[in-house]
Amino acid sequence: MDLRRIDLNLLVVFEALVSEANVSRAARRLHLSQSALSHALSRLREAFGDPILERQGRVMVATPRALVALPEVRSLLSQVGRLFAHGGRFEPATAERTFHVGASDYAAASVLPTLLARIREEAPGLRLRVHHAGRVNAPAMLRSGELDLALGVFNHLTDDLVTQPVHEEPYLCAVDAKTGVRVPLSKQGYLDGEHINVLVQGDTLGVIDEALARQGLTRRITLTVPHFSTALALLRGTPLIYTGPAGLFSPTSIKRALHIFKPPFELPDFPTQVAWSVRNQNDEGLRWLSQHLRMP
C-alpha cells in the first residue's frame, strides 16, 4: 500500500465511527456533516478493505476486523498527538486531546469530579472518554493503547505497567433498613447471610473473598453484579448484605435507607489506584492528568 495516498485524518474518522457505531453520532462528535462523514466512511472502506460498520437489524455494528484495529488506531492517534503537541510539551491551557480512561462506576464517580473541575479551569480543550474496566481487562487495554489510564484496584501488575495510589478507604457493610436484619452482625451471622457482590470484570474472587479465603472463611454470595451502584439499588427490599467502600454509603439518602456497620472481621482497606503503560512514562499530558486525580 502506498502510504502517500492515505489521508491520516481518516484514522480520526475511523476511531469515531467504530467507537460510536453510528454515523450521526460520529459526525456530531467530529463537527462534520453526516454526508461528509458518509463520504469519509466510503474512503475508509476502500482503504481498509473492510465494511467497518455493518447493519444488524435496526442498528449498525463495527466489524470484527474494525474492533481489533481500534486499539491500534487509538494508540497511533495518541502518539501523533504527542508528536505535534508543542514539540512534545504539554500546555494545559492550549492542549486539544481526548484521554481514554478505564474505571468502574464507583471509581469514576468518586475520582473524576475533582479532575473535571480542574480541566474546566486549566485545560478546557481536554476531553475524557470513560470505559467500564476492571483489574481483569484494564491491563490488556492499557498495553494495547485502548486506554491511556485506568482507575481501580491493581495489586499485581507486570513490569510494563505503572501504578500510583489515589486513595484508600475502609470497607463497610450495609443492609436494607426495612428488612429487619439486626446489625451489627456477628462473624457467623455475616458468613451465614446472603450477600450481593460486585465484580467489575469477571474476577473469580474479589478482594473481600480473597481476604476471607486467607482466613479459611467463605460467605454465601447470592447475586453478583458488575456495578457498585447496581448493588446499592438491589439491596432495597431484600435481606441481602453488601460490603463495599465507605464512600459509596456517604450520601444522606443512602444512609437513611440502609443500616451501615463495620465488617465483623479484618479486611484490608479498599484502594483506588491509577495505572498506565510504562511506554507512556514521559507523556506530559498523562502525567498532568494523573497528578490531578484526587478524591473530593
Protein backbone atom coordinates (compact mmCIF):
# COMPACT_ATOMS: atom_id res chain seq x y z
CA MET A 1 0.00 0.00 0.00
CA ASP A 2 1.28 3.47 -0.90
CA LEU A 3 1.02 5.46 2.35
CA ARG A 4 1.26 8.72 0.39
CA ARG A 5 -2.29 8.06 -0.79
CA ILE A 6 -3.66 7.62 2.76
CA ASP A 7 -5.18 10.65 4.49
CA LEU A 8 -4.27 10.30 8.18
CA ASN A 9 -7.43 12.24 9.06
CA LEU A 10 -9.26 9.06 8.15
CA LEU A 11 -7.87 7.48 11.32
CA VAL A 12 -9.69 10.13 13.35
CA VAL A 13 -12.88 9.29 11.46
CA PHE A 14 -12.26 5.55 11.94
CA GLU A 15 -11.90 5.96 15.71
CA ALA A 16 -15.12 7.97 15.99
CA LEU A 17 -17.14 5.65 13.74
CA VAL A 18 -16.07 2.43 15.43
CA SER A 19 -16.43 3.89 18.93
CA GLU A 20 -19.91 5.27 18.28
CA ALA A 21 -21.10 2.60 15.78
CA ASN A 22 -23.34 5.35 14.46
CA VAL A 23 -22.67 7.77 11.60
CA SER A 24 -24.82 10.58 13.01
CA ARG A 25 -23.21 10.48 16.48
CA ALA A 26 -19.72 10.26 14.98
CA ALA A 27 -20.49 13.25 12.75
CA ARG A 28 -21.64 15.33 15.74
CA ARG A 29 -18.56 14.32 17.70
CA LEU A 30 -16.26 15.42 14.86
CA HIS A 31 -18.34 18.51 13.98
CA LEU A 32 -18.86 17.25 10.43
CA SER A 33 -21.99 16.95 8.31
CA GLN A 34 -23.47 13.47 8.01
CA SER A 35 -22.85 13.48 4.26
CA ALA A 36 -19.17 14.39 4.79
CA LEU A 37 -18.76 11.56 7.27
CA SER A 38 -20.54 9.10 4.96
CA HIS A 39 -18.08 10.07 2.22
CA ALA A 40 -15.17 9.53 4.63
CA LEU A 41 -16.60 6.11 5.56
CA SER A 42 -16.63 5.15 1.87
CA ARG A 43 -12.96 6.14 1.58
CA LEU A 44 -12.15 4.18 4.74
CA ARG A 45 -13.87 1.07 3.42
CA GLU A 46 -11.86 1.27 0.21
CA ALA A 47 -8.54 1.85 2.00
CA PHE A 48 -9.23 -0.72 4.73
CA GLY A 49 -10.75 -3.39 2.52
CA ASP A 50 -13.46 -3.89 5.11
CA PRO A 51 -17.01 -2.53 5.63
CA ILE A 52 -16.00 -1.04 9.04
CA LEU A 53 -19.69 -0.79 10.02
CA GLU A 54 -22.43 -3.24 9.08
CA ARG A 55 -26.17 -3.15 9.67
CA GLN A 56 -27.63 -5.77 12.01
CA GLY A 57 -31.37 -5.35 12.20
CA ARG A 58 -32.04 -1.71 13.04
CA VAL A 59 -28.56 -0.88 14.33
CA MET A 60 -25.05 -0.55 12.95
CA VAL A 61 -22.23 -2.60 14.48
CA ALA A 62 -18.49 -2.49 13.95
CA THR A 63 -17.00 -5.42 12.07
CA PRO A 64 -14.69 -7.83 13.93
CA ARG A 65 -11.69 -6.52 11.99
CA ALA A 66 -12.54 -2.92 12.87
CA LEU A 67 -12.85 -3.77 16.57
CA VAL A 68 -9.46 -5.49 16.52
CA ALA A 69 -7.89 -2.45 14.82
CA LEU A 70 -9.48 0.14 17.14
CA PRO A 71 -6.90 -0.07 19.97
CA GLU A 72 -4.04 0.25 17.45
CA VAL A 73 -5.67 3.27 15.84
CA ARG A 74 -6.18 4.94 19.23
CA SER A 75 -2.56 4.29 20.11
CA LEU A 76 -1.40 5.78 16.80
CA LEU A 77 -3.56 8.87 17.24
CA SER A 78 -2.25 9.35 20.76
CA GLN A 79 1.35 9.10 19.55
CA VAL A 80 0.74 11.51 16.67
CA GLY A 81 -0.95 13.96 19.04
CA ARG A 82 2.03 13.89 21.39
CA LEU A 83 4.46 14.28 18.47
CA PHE A 84 2.88 17.50 17.23
CA ALA A 85 1.82 18.99 20.56
CA HIS A 86 4.20 21.94 21.06
CA GLY A 87 7.26 19.87 20.27
CA GLY A 88 6.19 17.20 22.74
CA ARG A 89 5.44 19.70 25.51
CA PHE A 90 2.04 19.60 27.17
CA GLU A 91 0.46 23.01 27.71
CA PRO A 92 -2.83 22.52 29.62
CA ALA A 93 -4.33 25.85 28.58
CA THR A 94 -3.96 25.17 24.84
CA ALA A 95 -3.94 21.35 24.61
CA GLU A 96 -6.60 19.65 22.46
CA ARG A 97 -6.70 15.97 23.31
CA THR A 98 -9.00 13.09 24.23
CA PHE A 99 -7.92 10.77 27.04
CA HIS A 100 -9.39 7.27 27.32
CA VAL A 101 -9.84 6.31 30.97
CA GLY A 102 -10.88 2.89 32.28
CA ALA A 103 -12.84 2.80 35.54
CA SER A 104 -15.67 1.21 37.47
CA ASP A 105 -18.76 3.30 38.07
CA TYR A 106 -17.61 3.96 41.65
CA ALA A 107 -14.07 4.98 40.69
CA ALA A 108 -15.40 7.31 38.00
CA ALA A 109 -17.99 8.89 40.31
CA SER A 110 -15.59 9.33 43.23
CA VAL A 111 -12.37 10.42 41.49
CA LEU A 112 -13.33 12.19 38.28
CA PRO A 113 -15.37 15.15 39.67
CA THR A 114 -12.28 16.91 41.04
CA LEU A 115 -10.40 16.18 37.81
CA LEU A 116 -13.23 17.58 35.68
CA ALA A 117 -13.26 20.76 37.76
CA ARG A 118 -9.51 21.17 37.23
CA ILE A 119 -9.89 20.52 33.48
CA ARG A 120 -12.58 23.22 33.21
CA GLU A 121 -10.31 25.70 35.00
CA GLU A 122 -6.94 24.90 33.47
CA ALA A 123 -7.31 22.70 30.37
CA PRO A 124 -10.66 23.36 28.64
CA GLY A 125 -9.55 21.62 25.43
CA LEU A 126 -9.18 18.22 27.10
CA ARG A 127 -11.88 15.57 26.77
CA LEU A 128 -12.35 12.35 28.71
CA ARG A 129 -13.86 9.16 27.37
CA VAL A 130 -14.58 6.71 30.20
CA HIS A 131 -14.70 2.97 29.55
CA HIS A 132 -16.04 0.39 32.01
CA ALA A 133 -12.96 -1.59 33.01
CA GLY A 134 -11.61 -3.50 35.99
CA ARG A 135 -8.49 -5.28 37.11
CA VAL A 136 -9.08 -8.23 34.76
CA ASN A 137 -9.36 -6.39 31.43
CA ALA A 138 -7.78 -2.98 32.13
CA PRO A 139 -4.13 -4.16 31.96
CA ALA A 140 -4.56 -5.55 28.44
CA MET A 141 -6.40 -2.38 27.38
CA LEU A 142 -3.52 -0.27 28.69
CA ARG A 143 -0.95 -2.38 26.85
CA SER A 144 -2.86 -2.18 23.57
CA GLY A 145 -3.33 1.58 23.78
CA GLU A 146 -7.11 1.32 24.04
CA LEU A 147 -6.81 3.07 27.43
CA ASP A 148 -4.46 5.87 28.44
CA LEU A 149 -5.14 5.48 32.17
CA ALA A 150 -7.10 3.07 34.34
CA LEU A 151 -8.58 3.59 37.80
CA GLY A 152 -9.17 0.62 40.05
CA VAL A 153 -7.60 -1.99 42.32
CA PHE A 154 -4.38 -3.22 40.72
CA ASN A 155 -2.44 -5.24 43.28
CA HIS A 156 -0.41 -7.47 40.98
CA LEU A 157 0.78 -5.99 37.68
CA THR A 158 3.68 -6.82 35.39
CA ASP A 159 6.67 -4.50 34.98
CA ASP A 160 5.30 -2.95 31.78
CA LEU A 161 2.59 -1.17 33.77
CA VAL A 162 2.99 1.55 36.40
CA THR A 163 0.64 2.32 39.30
CA GLN A 164 0.34 5.06 41.86
CA PRO A 165 -2.10 5.31 44.78
CA VAL A 166 -5.01 7.73 44.61
CA HIS A 167 -6.98 6.96 47.77
CA GLU A 168 -7.65 4.29 50.42
CA GLU A 169 -10.80 3.87 52.49
CA PRO A 170 -12.24 1.20 54.78
CA TYR A 171 -14.92 -1.31 53.84
CA LEU A 172 -18.37 -1.02 55.39
CA CYS A 173 -21.36 -3.37 55.33
CA ALA A 174 -24.97 -2.44 54.62
CA VAL A 175 -28.44 -3.97 54.73
CA ASP A 176 -31.84 -2.52 53.89
CA ALA A 177 -33.13 -0.74 57.00
CA LYS A 178 -36.67 -2.04 56.44
CA THR A 179 -35.98 -5.79 56.26
CA GLY A 180 -35.47 -6.37 59.98
CA VAL A 181 -31.91 -7.68 59.77
CA ARG A 182 -30.34 -6.95 63.18
CA VAL A 183 -26.96 -5.26 62.98
CA PRO A 184 -24.11 -5.28 63.60
CA LEU A 185 -23.75 -8.90 62.56
CA SER A 186 -21.53 -11.41 64.29
CA LYS A 187 -18.86 -13.10 62.19
CA GLN A 188 -21.01 -16.24 61.89
CA GLY A 189 -24.13 -14.19 61.14
CA TYR A 190 -22.24 -12.43 58.35
CA LEU A 191 -20.97 -15.68 56.84
CA ASP A 192 -24.40 -17.33 57.05
CA GLY A 193 -26.22 -14.37 55.47
CA GLU A 194 -26.90 -13.90 51.77
CA HIS A 195 -24.57 -11.47 50.02
CA ILE A 196 -24.56 -9.28 46.96
CA ASN A 197 -21.11 -8.96 45.40
CA VAL A 198 -19.53 -6.60 42.87
CA LEU A 199 -17.05 -7.93 40.32
CA VAL A 200 -16.29 -5.22 37.78
CA GLN A 201 -14.84 -7.60 35.21
CA GLY A 202 -15.38 -11.27 35.94
CA ASP A 203 -12.83 -11.96 38.68
CA THR A 204 -13.14 -15.43 40.18
CA LEU A 205 -12.75 -13.86 43.63
CA GLY A 206 -12.94 -10.22 44.61
CA VAL A 207 -10.79 -8.52 47.24
CA ILE A 208 -13.22 -9.35 50.06
CA ASP A 209 -13.42 -13.05 49.26
CA GLU A 210 -9.66 -13.27 48.77
CA ALA A 211 -9.25 -11.81 52.27
CA LEU A 212 -11.79 -14.27 53.68
CA ALA A 213 -10.10 -17.18 51.93
CA ARG A 214 -6.78 -16.29 53.60
CA GLN A 215 -8.62 -16.69 56.92
CA GLY A 216 -10.12 -20.03 55.82
CA LEU A 217 -13.60 -18.48 55.52
CA THR A 218 -16.24 -18.27 52.77
CA ARG A 219 -19.54 -16.38 52.52
CA ARG A 220 -22.76 -17.11 50.64
CA ILE A 221 -22.95 -14.96 47.51
CA THR A 222 -26.47 -14.93 46.12
CA LEU A 223 -26.03 -12.22 43.49
CA THR A 224 -23.02 -10.83 41.60
CA VAL A 225 -23.23 -7.60 39.57
CA PRO A 226 -20.65 -5.53 37.64
CA HIS A 227 -21.59 -2.09 39.02
CA PHE A 228 -21.40 -0.67 42.56
CA SER A 229 -24.48 1.48 42.05
CA THR A 230 -26.47 -1.59 40.96
CA ALA A 231 -25.53 -3.38 44.17
CA LEU A 232 -26.90 -0.49 46.22
CA ALA A 233 -30.13 -0.38 44.23
CA LEU A 234 -30.72 -4.13 44.58
CA LEU A 235 -30.37 -4.08 48.36
CA ARG A 236 -33.76 -2.40 48.66
CA GLY A 237 -36.46 -4.78 49.86
CA THR A 238 -34.12 -7.77 50.31
CA PRO A 239 -32.21 -9.31 53.25
CA LEU A 240 -29.00 -9.20 51.21
CA ILE A 241 -25.77 -7.91 52.76
CA TYR A 242 -23.46 -5.70 50.75
CA THR A 243 -19.84 -4.96 51.70
CA GLY A 244 -18.27 -2.06 49.81
CA PRO A 245 -16.04 1.03 50.04
CA ALA A 246 -17.09 3.51 52.72
CA GLY A 247 -17.50 6.40 50.29
CA LEU A 248 -20.27 4.57 48.50
CA PHE A 249 -22.52 4.98 51.56
CA SER A 250 -21.79 8.68 52.14
CA PRO A 251 -24.86 10.33 50.54
CA THR A 252 -27.52 11.17 53.12
CA SER A 253 -30.31 9.47 51.13
CA ILE A 254 -28.36 6.20 51.20
CA LYS A 255 -27.65 6.46 54.94
CA ARG A 256 -31.37 6.89 55.62
CA ALA A 257 -32.35 3.80 53.63
CA LEU A 258 -29.69 1.42 54.97
CA HIS A 259 -28.25 0.10 58.21
CA ILE A 260 -24.49 0.56 57.85
CA PHE A 261 -21.94 -1.20 60.08
CA LYS A 262 -18.33 -2.34 60.20
CA PRO A 263 -17.39 -5.82 58.93
CA PRO A 264 -17.09 -8.37 61.77
CA PHE A 265 -13.54 -9.37 60.72
CA GLU A 266 -10.36 -7.73 59.46
CA LEU A 267 -10.32 -6.52 55.86
CA PRO A 268 -7.64 -4.53 54.04
CA ASP A 269 -8.61 -1.01 53.05
CA PHE A 270 -10.26 -0.52 49.66
CA PRO A 271 -7.60 1.09 47.45
CA THR A 272 -8.12 3.21 44.36
CA GLN A 273 -5.05 3.31 42.13
CA VAL A 274 -4.23 4.75 38.74
CA ALA A 275 -2.32 2.63 36.23
CA TRP A 276 -0.72 3.37 32.87
CA SER A 277 1.71 1.76 30.43
CA VAL A 278 5.42 2.26 31.09
CA ARG A 279 5.86 3.30 27.45
CA ASN A 280 3.89 6.46 28.32
CA GLN A 281 6.09 7.37 31.28
CA ASN A 282 7.28 10.54 29.55
CA ASP A 283 3.85 11.62 28.33
CA GLU A 284 3.43 15.04 29.97
CA GLY A 285 -0.30 15.04 29.33
CA LEU A 286 -0.84 11.77 31.17
CA ARG A 287 1.44 12.97 33.95
CA TRP A 288 -0.65 16.13 34.34
CA LEU A 289 -3.84 14.09 34.35
CA SER A 290 -2.62 11.55 36.93
CA GLN A 291 -1.35 14.30 39.24
CA HIS A 292 -4.86 15.74 39.47
CA LEU A 293 -6.66 12.51 40.29
CA ARG A 294 -7.93 13.02 43.81
CA MET A 295 -10.89 12.04 45.93
CA PRO A 296 -13.01 15.06 46.94
